[in-house]
N, C-alpha and C. Protein backbone atom coordinates (compact mmCIF):
# COMPACT_ATOMS: atom_id res chain seq x y z
N ASN A 1 -3.09 16.31 20.68
CA ASN A 1 -2.96 14.86 20.70
C ASN A 1 -2.21 14.39 21.93
N ASP A 2 -1.85 15.29 22.81
CA ASP A 2 -1.19 14.85 24.03
C ASP A 2 -2.02 15.27 25.23
N ALA A 3 -1.99 14.48 26.26
CA ALA A 3 -2.72 14.76 27.49
C ALA A 3 -1.71 14.82 28.63
N ILE A 4 -2.06 15.53 29.69
CA ILE A 4 -1.15 15.64 30.83
C ILE A 4 -1.15 14.31 31.58
N TYR A 5 0.02 13.72 31.71
CA TYR A 5 0.19 12.45 32.40
C TYR A 5 0.60 12.69 33.84
N SER A 6 1.50 13.63 34.03
CA SER A 6 1.95 14.04 35.35
C SER A 6 2.51 15.46 35.19
N ASP A 7 3.15 15.98 36.23
CA ASP A 7 3.72 17.33 36.13
C ASP A 7 4.80 17.43 35.06
N ASN A 8 5.50 16.35 34.82
CA ASN A 8 6.60 16.41 33.85
C ASN A 8 6.46 15.36 32.74
N GLY A 9 5.27 14.89 32.48
CA GLY A 9 5.08 13.89 31.43
C GLY A 9 3.83 14.13 30.61
N ARG A 10 3.87 13.71 29.37
CA ARG A 10 2.73 13.81 28.47
C ARG A 10 2.47 12.44 27.86
N VAL A 11 1.21 12.15 27.59
CA VAL A 11 0.84 10.90 26.93
C VAL A 11 0.73 11.17 25.43
N LEU A 12 1.47 10.42 24.66
CA LEU A 12 1.41 10.52 23.21
C LEU A 12 0.58 9.35 22.70
N ARG A 13 -0.38 9.64 21.85
CA ARG A 13 -1.25 8.58 21.34
C ARG A 13 -1.12 8.47 19.83
N GLY A 14 -1.39 7.28 19.31
CA GLY A 14 -1.49 7.12 17.87
C GLY A 14 -0.41 6.30 17.22
N GLY A 15 0.55 5.77 17.95
CA GLY A 15 1.58 4.95 17.35
C GLY A 15 2.68 5.78 16.70
N SER A 16 3.68 5.10 16.18
CA SER A 16 4.80 5.77 15.55
C SER A 16 5.53 4.79 14.66
N LEU A 17 6.64 5.23 14.09
CA LEU A 17 7.44 4.35 13.23
C LEU A 17 8.03 3.19 14.00
N SER A 18 8.27 3.37 15.29
CA SER A 18 8.90 2.31 16.06
C SER A 18 7.89 1.37 16.73
N ASN A 19 6.58 1.68 16.62
CA ASN A 19 5.56 0.81 17.20
C ASN A 19 5.15 -0.26 16.21
N ASP A 20 4.62 -1.35 16.71
CA ASP A 20 4.10 -2.38 15.81
C ASP A 20 2.71 -1.98 15.32
N GLY A 21 2.18 -2.75 14.40
CA GLY A 21 0.90 -2.43 13.79
C GLY A 21 -0.27 -2.47 14.74
N LEU A 22 -0.16 -3.17 15.85
CA LEU A 22 -1.28 -3.28 16.78
C LEU A 22 -1.54 -1.98 17.54
N SER A 23 -0.54 -1.12 17.63
CA SER A 23 -0.71 0.10 18.43
C SER A 23 -0.85 1.35 17.57
N LEU A 24 -1.27 1.21 16.32
CA LEU A 24 -1.37 2.37 15.45
C LEU A 24 -2.69 3.12 15.59
N SER A 25 -3.70 2.54 16.17
CA SER A 25 -4.95 3.28 16.33
C SER A 25 -4.80 4.30 17.46
N ALA A 26 -5.52 5.39 17.35
CA ALA A 26 -5.38 6.47 18.33
C ALA A 26 -5.82 6.04 19.72
N ALA A 27 -6.70 5.07 19.82
CA ALA A 27 -7.21 4.66 21.13
C ALA A 27 -6.28 3.69 21.85
N SER A 28 -5.46 2.95 21.10
CA SER A 28 -4.68 1.90 21.76
C SER A 28 -3.21 2.27 21.97
N GLY A 29 -2.63 3.05 21.08
CA GLY A 29 -1.20 3.35 21.20
C GLY A 29 -0.94 4.53 22.11
N ARG A 30 -0.18 4.33 23.20
CA ARG A 30 0.12 5.42 24.12
C ARG A 30 1.57 5.33 24.56
N LEU A 31 2.25 6.46 24.54
CA LEU A 31 3.62 6.57 25.04
C LEU A 31 3.65 7.67 26.08
N ASN A 32 4.63 7.63 26.98
CA ASN A 32 4.80 8.67 27.99
C ASN A 32 6.14 9.33 27.74
N ASN A 33 6.13 10.63 27.44
CA ASN A 33 7.35 11.40 27.22
C ASN A 33 7.25 12.74 27.93
N GLY A 34 8.40 13.35 28.12
CA GLY A 34 8.44 14.68 28.69
C GLY A 34 7.95 15.71 27.70
N PRO A 35 7.48 16.87 28.18
CA PRO A 35 6.92 17.87 27.29
C PRO A 35 7.92 18.46 26.31
N ALA A 36 9.20 18.46 26.63
CA ALA A 36 10.20 19.04 25.74
C ALA A 36 10.94 17.98 24.92
N SER A 37 10.55 16.73 25.02
CA SER A 37 11.26 15.68 24.30
C SER A 37 10.96 15.76 22.81
N GLU A 38 11.98 15.44 22.01
CA GLU A 38 11.84 15.42 20.56
C GLU A 38 12.37 14.10 20.04
N ALA A 39 11.72 13.56 19.05
CA ALA A 39 12.17 12.34 18.42
C ALA A 39 11.67 12.33 16.98
N TYR A 40 12.41 11.69 16.09
CA TYR A 40 12.05 11.67 14.69
C TYR A 40 10.77 10.86 14.43
N PHE A 41 10.41 9.98 15.33
CA PHE A 41 9.26 9.10 15.10
C PHE A 41 7.99 9.59 15.78
N ILE A 42 8.02 10.75 16.44
CA ILE A 42 6.83 11.29 17.08
C ILE A 42 6.28 12.40 16.20
N GLY A 43 5.02 12.35 15.91
CA GLY A 43 4.39 13.37 15.07
C GLY A 43 2.92 13.07 14.92
N PHE A 44 2.37 13.46 13.79
CA PHE A 44 0.96 13.16 13.54
C PHE A 44 0.85 12.53 12.17
N ARG A 45 -0.27 11.88 11.95
CA ARG A 45 -0.52 11.28 10.65
C ARG A 45 -1.93 11.64 10.20
N VAL A 46 -2.13 11.62 8.92
CA VAL A 46 -3.44 11.88 8.34
C VAL A 46 -3.97 10.56 7.80
N ALA A 47 -5.12 10.16 8.26
CA ALA A 47 -5.70 8.89 7.82
C ALA A 47 -7.07 9.14 7.21
N SER A 48 -7.40 8.35 6.24
CA SER A 48 -8.69 8.46 5.58
C SER A 48 -9.32 7.08 5.48
N LEU A 49 -10.60 7.00 5.75
CA LEU A 49 -11.29 5.73 5.67
C LEU A 49 -11.79 5.43 4.26
N THR A 50 -11.96 6.46 3.44
CA THR A 50 -12.43 6.25 2.08
C THR A 50 -11.26 6.38 1.12
N ALA A 51 -11.21 5.48 0.18
CA ALA A 51 -10.16 5.51 -0.83
C ALA A 51 -10.56 6.46 -1.96
N VAL A 52 -9.62 7.26 -2.40
CA VAL A 52 -9.85 8.16 -3.51
C VAL A 52 -9.26 7.52 -4.75
N PRO A 53 -10.09 7.19 -5.75
CA PRO A 53 -9.56 6.53 -6.94
C PRO A 53 -8.69 7.47 -7.77
N GLU A 54 -7.69 6.89 -8.39
CA GLU A 54 -6.81 7.65 -9.27
C GLU A 54 -7.56 7.99 -10.56
N PRO A 55 -7.15 9.04 -11.26
CA PRO A 55 -7.81 9.37 -12.54
C PRO A 55 -7.73 8.22 -13.55
N SER A 56 -6.66 7.45 -13.52
CA SER A 56 -6.54 6.33 -14.46
C SER A 56 -7.61 5.28 -14.18
N THR A 57 -8.06 5.17 -12.94
CA THR A 57 -9.12 4.22 -12.62
C THR A 57 -10.41 4.63 -13.32
N TRP A 58 -10.71 5.92 -13.28
CA TRP A 58 -11.91 6.40 -13.97
C TRP A 58 -11.79 6.21 -15.47
N ALA A 59 -10.62 6.46 -16.03
CA ALA A 59 -10.41 6.29 -17.47
C ALA A 59 -10.55 4.82 -17.86
N SER A 60 -10.03 3.92 -17.05
CA SER A 60 -10.16 2.49 -17.33
C SER A 60 -11.61 2.05 -17.27
N ALA A 61 -12.33 2.52 -16.28
CA ALA A 61 -13.75 2.17 -16.15
C ALA A 61 -14.55 2.70 -17.34
N MET A 62 -14.25 3.90 -17.78
CA MET A 62 -14.95 4.47 -18.93
C MET A 62 -14.62 3.70 -20.20
N GLY A 63 -13.35 3.34 -20.37
CA GLY A 63 -12.95 2.55 -21.54
C GLY A 63 -13.61 1.19 -21.57
N LEU A 64 -13.67 0.52 -20.42
CA LEU A 64 -14.32 -0.78 -20.34
C LEU A 64 -15.82 -0.66 -20.63
N THR A 65 -16.45 0.39 -20.12
CA THR A 65 -17.87 0.61 -20.38
C THR A 65 -18.12 0.83 -21.87
N MET A 66 -17.27 1.61 -22.52
CA MET A 66 -17.43 1.86 -23.95
C MET A 66 -17.21 0.58 -24.75
N LEU A 67 -16.26 -0.25 -24.34
CA LEU A 67 -16.00 -1.51 -25.02
C LEU A 67 -17.21 -2.44 -24.91
N VAL A 68 -17.75 -2.58 -23.72
CA VAL A 68 -18.93 -3.43 -23.52
C VAL A 68 -20.12 -2.90 -24.32
N PHE A 69 -20.32 -1.60 -24.31
CA PHE A 69 -21.42 -1.00 -25.07
C PHE A 69 -21.23 -1.26 -26.57
N GLY A 70 -20.01 -1.11 -27.06
CA GLY A 70 -19.72 -1.36 -28.47
C GLY A 70 -19.99 -2.80 -28.86
N VAL A 71 -19.61 -3.74 -28.02
CA VAL A 71 -19.87 -5.16 -28.29
C VAL A 71 -21.37 -5.43 -28.30
N MET A 72 -22.10 -4.84 -27.38
CA MET A 72 -23.55 -5.04 -27.33
C MET A 72 -24.23 -4.47 -28.58
N VAL A 73 -23.82 -3.30 -29.01
CA VAL A 73 -24.40 -2.69 -30.21
C VAL A 73 -24.07 -3.53 -31.44
N ARG A 74 -22.84 -3.98 -31.52
CA ARG A 74 -22.42 -4.77 -32.68
C ARG A 74 -23.17 -6.10 -32.74
N ARG A 75 -23.38 -6.74 -31.61
CA ARG A 75 -24.13 -8.01 -31.59
C ARG A 75 -25.59 -7.78 -31.97
N GLY A 76 -26.12 -6.64 -31.63
CA GLY A 76 -27.52 -6.33 -31.95
C GLY A 76 -27.72 -6.08 -33.43
N ARG A 77 -26.71 -5.68 -34.17
CA ARG A 77 -26.82 -5.38 -35.60
C ARG A 77 -26.65 -6.62 -36.48
N ARG A 78 -26.17 -7.70 -35.93
CA ARG A 78 -25.94 -8.90 -36.74
C ARG A 78 -27.27 -9.51 -37.17
N THR A 79 -27.31 -9.94 -38.42
CA THR A 79 -28.48 -10.66 -38.92
C THR A 79 -28.04 -12.01 -39.45
N LEU A 80 -28.89 -13.00 -39.33
CA LEU A 80 -28.57 -14.34 -39.81
C LEU A 80 -29.26 -14.62 -41.11
């Protein structure tokens, strides 16, 4: 994630804790630091574009489906 900037500098991309939200994408956020520099806010992050639903989401969806199905069956059995 770093590229050679000069003989004694590296380009860090991807934003950090001290950057604002506009520079968090890998293409726009760039810092210049020495190769041996260390800081608590420099590192890597894992990002995902797809959301993974929690198990409770699936349970809620299944419960709602069963409730709707039960109401539909019950309404179908009514006679006037």
